[in-house]
PDB file of N, CA and C in Angstrom:
ATOM      1  N   MET A   1       9.758   1.834  13.188  1.00  0.00           N
ATOM      2  CA  MET A   1       9.464   2.578  11.984  1.00  0.00           C
ATOM      3  C   MET A   1       8.549   3.738  12.339  1.00  0.00           C
ATOM      4  N   LYS A   2       8.831   4.895  11.806  1.00  0.00           N
ATOM      5  CA  LYS A   2       8.017   6.065  12.093  1.00  0.00           C
ATOM      6  C   LYS A   2       6.659   5.936  11.418  1.00  0.00           C
ATOM      7  N   SER A   3       5.641   6.467  12.071  1.00  0.00           N
ATOM      8  CA  SER A   3       4.290   6.415  11.537  1.00  0.00           C
ATOM      9  C   SER A   3       4.206   7.015  10.152  1.00  0.00           C
ATOM     10  N   SER A   4       4.903   8.110   9.933  1.00  0.00           N
ATOM     11  CA  SER A   4       4.806   8.776   8.631  1.00  0.00           C
ATOM     12  C   SER A   4       5.387   7.918   7.522  1.00  0.00           C
ATOM     13  N   SER A   5       6.467   7.171   7.771  1.00  0.00           N
ATOM     14  CA  SER A   5       7.037   6.332   6.714  1.00  0.00           C
ATOM     15  C   SER A   5       6.130   5.146   6.409  1.00  0.00           C
ATOM     16  N   VAL A   6       5.437   4.638   7.401  1.00  0.00           N
ATOM     17  CA  VAL A   6       4.468   3.570   7.172  1.00  0.00           C
ATOM     18  C   VAL A   6       3.321   4.091   6.326  1.00  0.00           C
ATOM     19  N   LEU A   7       2.878   5.288   6.648  1.00  0.00           N
ATOM     20  CA  LEU A   7       1.788   5.892   5.895  1.00  0.00           C
ATOM     21  C   LEU A   7       2.197   6.115   4.442  1.00  0.00           C
ATOM     22  N   VAL A   8       3.385   6.603   4.221  1.00  0.00           N
ATOM     23  CA  VAL A   8       3.860   6.835   2.860  1.00  0.00           C
ATOM     24  C   VAL A   8       3.896   5.520   2.095  1.00  0.00           C
ATOM     25  N   GLY A   9       4.366   4.452   2.726  1.00  0.00           N
ATOM     26  CA  GLY A   9       4.394   3.148   2.062  1.00  0.00           C
ATOM     27  C   GLY A   9       3.001   2.657   1.723  1.00  0.00           C
ATOM     28  N   ALA A  10       2.076   2.786   2.656  1.00  0.00           N
ATOM     29  CA  ALA A  10       0.703   2.350   2.402  1.00  0.00           C
ATOM     30  C   ALA A  10       0.058   3.182   1.304  1.00  0.00           C
ATOM     31  N   LEU A  11       0.298   4.474   1.323  1.00  0.00           N
ATOM     32  CA  LEU A  11      -0.250   5.332   0.271  1.00  0.00           C
ATOM     33  C   LEU A  11       0.357   4.992  -1.087  1.00  0.00           C
ATOM     34  N   ALA A  12       1.627   4.626  -1.105  1.00  0.00           N
ATOM     35  CA  ALA A  12       2.261   4.242  -2.365  1.00  0.00           C
ATOM     36  C   ALA A  12       1.597   2.999  -2.948  1.00  0.00           C
ATOM     37  N   VAL A  13       1.284   2.028  -2.098  1.00  0.00           N
ATOM     38  CA  VAL A  13       0.593   0.822  -2.551  1.00  0.00           C
ATOM     39  C   VAL A  13      -0.779   1.185  -3.116  1.00  0.00           C
ATOM     40  N   LEU A  14      -1.535   1.969  -2.370  1.00  0.00           N
ATOM     41  CA  LEU A  14      -2.866   2.353  -2.824  1.00  0.00           C
ATOM     42  C   LEU A  14      -2.799   3.194  -4.087  1.00  0.00           C
ATOM     43  N   CYS A  15      -1.810   4.048  -4.175  1.00  0.00           N
ATOM     44  CA  CYS A  15      -1.638   4.905  -5.348  1.00  0.00           C
ATOM     45  C   CYS A  15      -1.373   4.045  -6.582  1.00  0.00           C
ATOM     46  N   THR A  16      -0.499   3.080  -6.457  1.00  0.00           N
ATOM     47  CA  THR A  16      -0.188   2.196  -7.570  1.00  0.00           C
ATOM     48  C   THR A  16      -1.431   1.442  -8.021  1.00  0.00           C
ATOM     49  N   MET A  17      -2.210   0.970  -7.055  1.00  0.00           N
ATOM     50  CA  MET A  17      -3.427   0.235  -7.393  1.00  0.00           C
ATOM     51  C   MET A  17      -4.453   1.148  -8.061  1.00  0.00           C
ATOM     52  N   ALA A  18      -4.422   2.430  -7.746  1.00  0.00           N
ATOM     53  CA  ALA A  18      -5.390   3.377  -8.296  1.00  0.00           C
ATOM     54  C   ALA A  18      -4.968   3.896  -9.666  1.00  0.00           C
ATOM     55  N   GLY A  19      -3.805   3.486 -10.143  1.00  0.00           N
ATOM     56  CA  GLY A  19      -3.361   3.902 -11.465  1.00  0.00           C
ATOM     57  C   GLY A  19      -2.516   5.161 -11.480  1.00  0.00           C
ATOM     58  N   GLY A  20      -1.996   5.546 -10.351  1.00  0.00           N
ATOM     59  CA  GLY A  20      -1.104   6.692 -10.304  1.00  0.00           C
ATOM     60  C   GLY A  20      -1.604   7.776  -9.373  1.00  0.00           C
ATOM     61  N   CYS A  21      -0.684   8.602  -8.933  1.00  0.00           N
ATOM     62  CA  CYS A  21      -1.015   9.636  -7.951  1.00  0.00           C
ATOM     63  C   CYS A  21      -0.564  11.013  -8.384  1.00  0.00           C
ATOM     64  N   ALA A  22      -0.283  11.190  -9.668  1.00  0.00           N
ATOM     65  CA  ALA A  22       0.213  12.488 -10.124  1.00  0.00           C
ATOM     66  C   ALA A  22      -0.771  13.609  -9.801  1.00  0.00           C
ATOM     67  N   HIS A  23      -2.047  13.279  -9.742  1.00  0.00           N
ATOM     68  CA  HIS A  23      -3.061  14.287  -9.473  1.00  0.00           C
ATOM     69  C   HIS A  23      -3.268  14.550  -7.979  1.00  0.00           C
ATOM     70  N   TRP A  24      -2.623  13.781  -7.104  1.00  0.00           N
ATOM     71  CA  TRP A  24      -2.775  13.965  -5.667  1.00  0.00           C
ATOM     72  C   TRP A  24      -1.864  15.090  -5.187  1.00  0.00           C
ATOM     73  N   PRO A  25      -2.336  15.931  -4.289  1.00  0.00           N
ATOM     74  CA  PRO A  25      -1.461  16.998  -3.766  1.00  0.00           C
ATOM     75  C   PRO A  25      -0.414  16.424  -2.812  1.00  0.00           C
ATOM     76  N   ALA A  26       0.757  17.045  -2.806  1.00  0.00           N
ATOM     77  CA  ALA A  26       1.802  16.643  -1.865  1.00  0.00           C
ATOM     78  C   ALA A  26       1.368  17.061  -0.462  1.00  0.00           C
ATOM     79  N   THR A  27       1.690  16.231   0.522  1.00  0.00           N
ATOM     80  CA  THR A  27       1.298  16.544   1.892  1.00  0.00           C
ATOM     81  C   THR A  27       2.235  15.864   2.871  1.00  0.00           C
ATOM     82  N   SER A  28       2.177  16.277   4.093  1.00  0.00           N
ATOM     83  CA  SER A  28       2.928  15.665   5.171  1.00  0.00           C
ATOM     84  C   SER A  28       1.913  15.272   6.239  1.00  0.00           C
ATOM     85  N   LEU A  29       1.825  13.984   6.513  1.00  0.00           N
ATOM     86  CA  LEU A  29       0.817  13.486   7.449  1.00  0.00           C
ATOM     87  C   LEU A  29       1.469  12.720   8.590  1.00  0.00           C
ATOM     88  N   THR A  30       0.824  12.755   9.739  1.00  0.00           N
ATOM     89  CA  THR A  30       1.184  11.870  10.844  1.00  0.00           C
ATOM     90  C   THR A  30      -0.114  11.320  11.417  1.00  0.00           C
ATOM     91  N   LEU A  31      -0.042  10.087  11.860  1.00  0.00           N
ATOM     92  CA  LEU A  31      -1.208   9.421  12.437  1.00  0.00           C
ATOM     93  C   LEU A  31      -0.804   8.721  13.718  1.00  0.00           C
ATOM     94  N   PRO A  32      -1.742   8.566  14.641  1.00  0.00           N
ATOM     95  CA  PRO A  32      -1.475   7.748  15.829  1.00  0.00           C
ATOM     96  C   PRO A  32      -1.253   6.288  15.427  1.00  0.00           C
ATOM     97  N   LYS A  33      -0.531   5.572  16.260  1.00  0.00           N
ATOM     98  CA  LYS A  33      -0.172   4.182  15.960  1.00  0.00           C
ATOM     99  C   LYS A  33      -1.389   3.318  15.644  1.00  0.00           C
ATOM    100  N   ASP A  34      -2.490   3.461  16.372  1.00  0.00           N
ATOM    101  CA  ASP A  34      -3.654   2.610  16.109  1.00  0.00           C
ATOM    102  C   ASP A  34      -4.232   2.868  14.720  1.00  0.00           C
ATOM    103  N   GLN A  35      -4.195   4.111  14.268  1.00  0.00           N
ATOM    104  CA  GLN A  35      -4.685   4.407  12.927  1.00  0.00           C
ATOM    105  C   GLN A  35      -3.738   3.889  11.855  1.00  0.00           C
ATOM    106  N   VAL A  36      -2.437   3.948  12.144  1.00  0.00           N
ATOM    107  CA  VAL A  36      -1.448   3.392  11.209  1.00  0.00           C
ATOM    108  C   VAL A  36      -1.663   1.888  11.088  1.00  0.00           C
ATOM    109  N   ASP A  37      -1.896   1.223  12.209  1.00  0.00           N
ATOM    110  CA  ASP A  37      -2.145  -0.220  12.181  1.00  0.00           C
ATOM    111  C   ASP A  37      -3.372  -0.552  11.336  1.00  0.00           C
ATOM    112  N   LYS A  38      -4.439   0.224  11.484  1.00  0.00           N
ATOM    113  CA  LYS A  38      -5.653   0.002  10.692  1.00  0.00           C
ATOM    114  C   LYS A  38      -5.390   0.247   9.214  1.00  0.00           C
ATOM    115  N   LEU A  39      -4.644   1.296   8.916  1.00  0.00           N
ATOM    116  CA  LEU A  39      -4.310   1.608   7.530  1.00  0.00           C
ATOM    117  C   LEU A  39      -3.488   0.500   6.894  1.00  0.00           C
ATOM    118  N   ARG A  40      -2.521  -0.007   7.638  1.00  0.00           N
ATOM    119  CA  ARG A  40      -1.694  -1.103   7.119  1.00  0.00           C
ATOM    120  C   ARG A  40      -2.539  -2.354   6.878  1.00  0.00           C
ATOM    121  N   GLU A  41      -3.475  -2.625   7.762  1.00  0.00           N
ATOM    122  CA  GLU A  41      -4.351  -3.783   7.598  1.00  0.00           C
ATOM    123  C   GLU A  41      -5.175  -3.667   6.321  1.00  0.00           C
ATOM    124  N   VAL A  42      -5.773  -2.518   6.120  1.00  0.00           N
ATOM    125  CA  VAL A  42      -6.600  -2.309   4.928  1.00  0.00           C
ATOM    126  C   VAL A  42      -5.739  -2.324   3.666  1.00  0.00           C
ATOM    127  N   ALA A  43      -4.590  -1.662   3.713  1.00  0.00           N
ATOM    128  CA  ALA A  43      -3.703  -1.645   2.549  1.00  0.00           C
ATOM    129  C   ALA A  43      -3.251  -3.060   2.188  1.00  0.00           C
ATOM    130  N   GLY A  44      -2.941  -3.858   3.189  1.00  0.00           N
ATOM    131  CA  GLY A  44      -2.545  -5.238   2.934  1.00  0.00           C
ATOM    132  C   GLY A  44      -3.667  -6.048   2.306  1.00  0.00           C
ATOM    133  N   ARG A  45      -4.873  -5.843   2.813  1.00  0.00           N
ATOM    134  CA  ARG A  45      -6.038  -6.555   2.267  1.00  0.00           C
ATOM    135  C   ARG A  45      -6.256  -6.158   0.801  1.00  0.00           C
ATOM    136  N   LEU A  46      -6.198  -4.870   0.524  1.00  0.00           N
ATOM    137  CA  LEU A  46      -6.383  -4.400  -0.850  1.00  0.00           C
ATOM    138  C   LEU A  46      -5.281  -4.922  -1.770  1.00  0.00           C
ATOM    139  N   LEU A  47      -4.060  -4.932  -1.268  1.00  0.00           N
ATOM    140  CA  LEU A  47      -2.955  -5.443  -2.071  1.00  0.00           C
ATOM    141  C   LEU A  47      -3.154  -6.913  -2.397  1.00  0.00           C
ATOM    142  N   ARG A  48      -3.520  -7.700  -1.399  1.00  0.00           N
ATOM    143  CA  ARG A  48      -3.721  -9.134  -1.638  1.00  0.00           C
ATOM    144  C   ARG A  48      -4.859  -9.404  -2.612  1.00  0.00           C
ATOM    145  N   GLN A  49      -5.831  -8.501  -2.712  1.00  0.00           N
ATOM    146  CA  GLN A  49      -6.965  -8.668  -3.623  1.00  0.00           C
ATOM    147  C   GLN A  49      -6.670  -8.145  -5.034  1.00  0.00           C
ATOM    148  N   ALA A  50      -5.592  -7.407  -5.209  1.00  0.00           N
ATOM    149  CA  ALA A  50      -5.283  -6.782  -6.488  1.00  0.00           C
ATOM    150  C   ALA A  50      -4.864  -7.832  -7.520  1.00  0.00           C
ATOM    151  N   PRO A  51      -5.481  -7.828  -8.698  1.00  0.00           N
ATOM    152  CA  PRO A  51      -5.113  -8.794  -9.747  1.00  0.00           C
ATOM    153  C   PRO A  51      -3.625  -8.752 -10.101  1.00  0.00           C
ATOM    154  N   ALA A  52      -3.022  -7.582 -10.150  1.00  0.00           N
ATOM    155  CA  ALA A  52      -1.598  -7.486 -10.491  1.00  0.00           C
ATOM    156  C   ALA A  52      -0.741  -8.171  -9.430  1.00  0.00           C
ATOM    157  N   PHE A  53      -1.114  -8.030  -8.161  1.00  0.00           N
ATOM    158  CA  PHE A  53      -0.367  -8.680  -7.091  1.00  0.00           C
ATOM    159  C   PHE A  53      -0.560 -10.194  -7.154  1.00  0.00           C
ATOM    160  N   GLN A  54      -1.776 -10.630  -7.435  1.00  0.00           N
ATOM    161  CA  GLN A  54      -2.038 -12.063  -7.583  1.00  0.00           C
ATOM    162  C   GLN A  54      -1.203 -12.645  -8.723  1.00  0.00           C
ATOM    163  N   ALA A  55      -1.084 -11.910  -9.826  1.00  0.00           N
ATOM    164  CA  ALA A  55      -0.277 -12.362 -10.962  1.00  0.00           C
ATOM    165  C   ALA A  55       1.195 -12.452 -10.563  1.00  0.00           C
ATOM    166  N   LEU A  56       1.674 -11.471  -9.805  1.00  0.00           N
ATOM    167  CA  LEU A  56       3.053 -11.499  -9.331  1.00  0.00           C
ATOM    168  C   LEU A  56       3.303 -12.720  -8.463  1.00  0.00           C
ATOM    169  N   LEU A  57       2.409 -12.991  -7.526  1.00  0.00           N
ATOM    170  CA  LEU A  57       2.562 -14.166  -6.667  1.00  0.00           C
ATOM    171  C   LEU A  57       2.583 -15.448  -7.484  1.00  0.00           C
ATOM    172  N   SER A  58       1.715 -15.528  -8.481  1.00  0.00           N
ATOM    173  CA  SER A  58       1.671 -16.708  -9.335  1.00  0.00           C
ATOM    174  C   SER A  58       2.988 -16.870 -10.098  1.00  0.00           C
ATOM    175  N   ASP A  59       3.489 -15.776 -10.638  1.00  0.00           N
ATOM    176  CA  ASP A  59       4.770 -15.822 -11.366  1.00  0.00           C
ATOM    177  C   ASP A  59       5.899 -16.257 -10.453  1.00  0.00           C
ATOM    178  N   LEU A  60       5.927 -15.747  -9.245  1.00  0.00           N
ATOM    179  CA  LEU A  60       6.978 -16.103  -8.305  1.00  0.00           C
ATOM    180  C   LEU A  60       6.894 -17.576  -7.912  1.00  0.00           C
ATOM    181  N   GLN A  61       5.679 -18.102  -7.757  1.00  0.00           N
ATOM    182  CA  GLN A  61       5.502 -19.522  -7.418  1.00  0.00           C
ATOM    183  C   GLN A  61       5.997 -20.405  -8.555  1.00  0.00           C
ATOM    184  N   GLN A  62       5.765 -19.996  -9.793  1.00  0.00           N
ATOM    185  CA  GLN A  62       6.186 -20.780 -10.950  1.00  0.00           C
ATOM    186  C   GLN A  62       7.702 -20.808 -11.096  1.00  0.00           C
ATOM    187  N   GLN A  63       8.381 -19.798 -10.591  1.00  0.00           N
ATOM    188  CA  GLN A  63       9.833 -19.723 -10.694  1.00  0.00           C
ATOM    189  C   GLN A  63      10.528 -20.614  -9.676  1.00  0.00           C
ATOM    190  N   ARG A  64       9.820 -21.127  -8.700  1.00  0.00           N
ATOM    191  CA  ARG A  64      10.434 -21.983  -7.671  1.00  0.00           C
ATOM    192  C   ARG A  64      10.805 -23.322  -8.205  1.00  0.00           C
TER     193      ARG A  64
END
């Protein structure tokens, strides 16, 4: 996976958690692999802590 597509995915997660990104400027970014790895780690941690994500996990567990 290209670094830029990973970054876009991580930013999308953070944007959703922040309540939207309409006010963010469009940009094209690239990062070295080690920075992408750190970004993914932090994004994953933030996602797992998000109440909406916790609710989704709970709903999915109840459907089993």
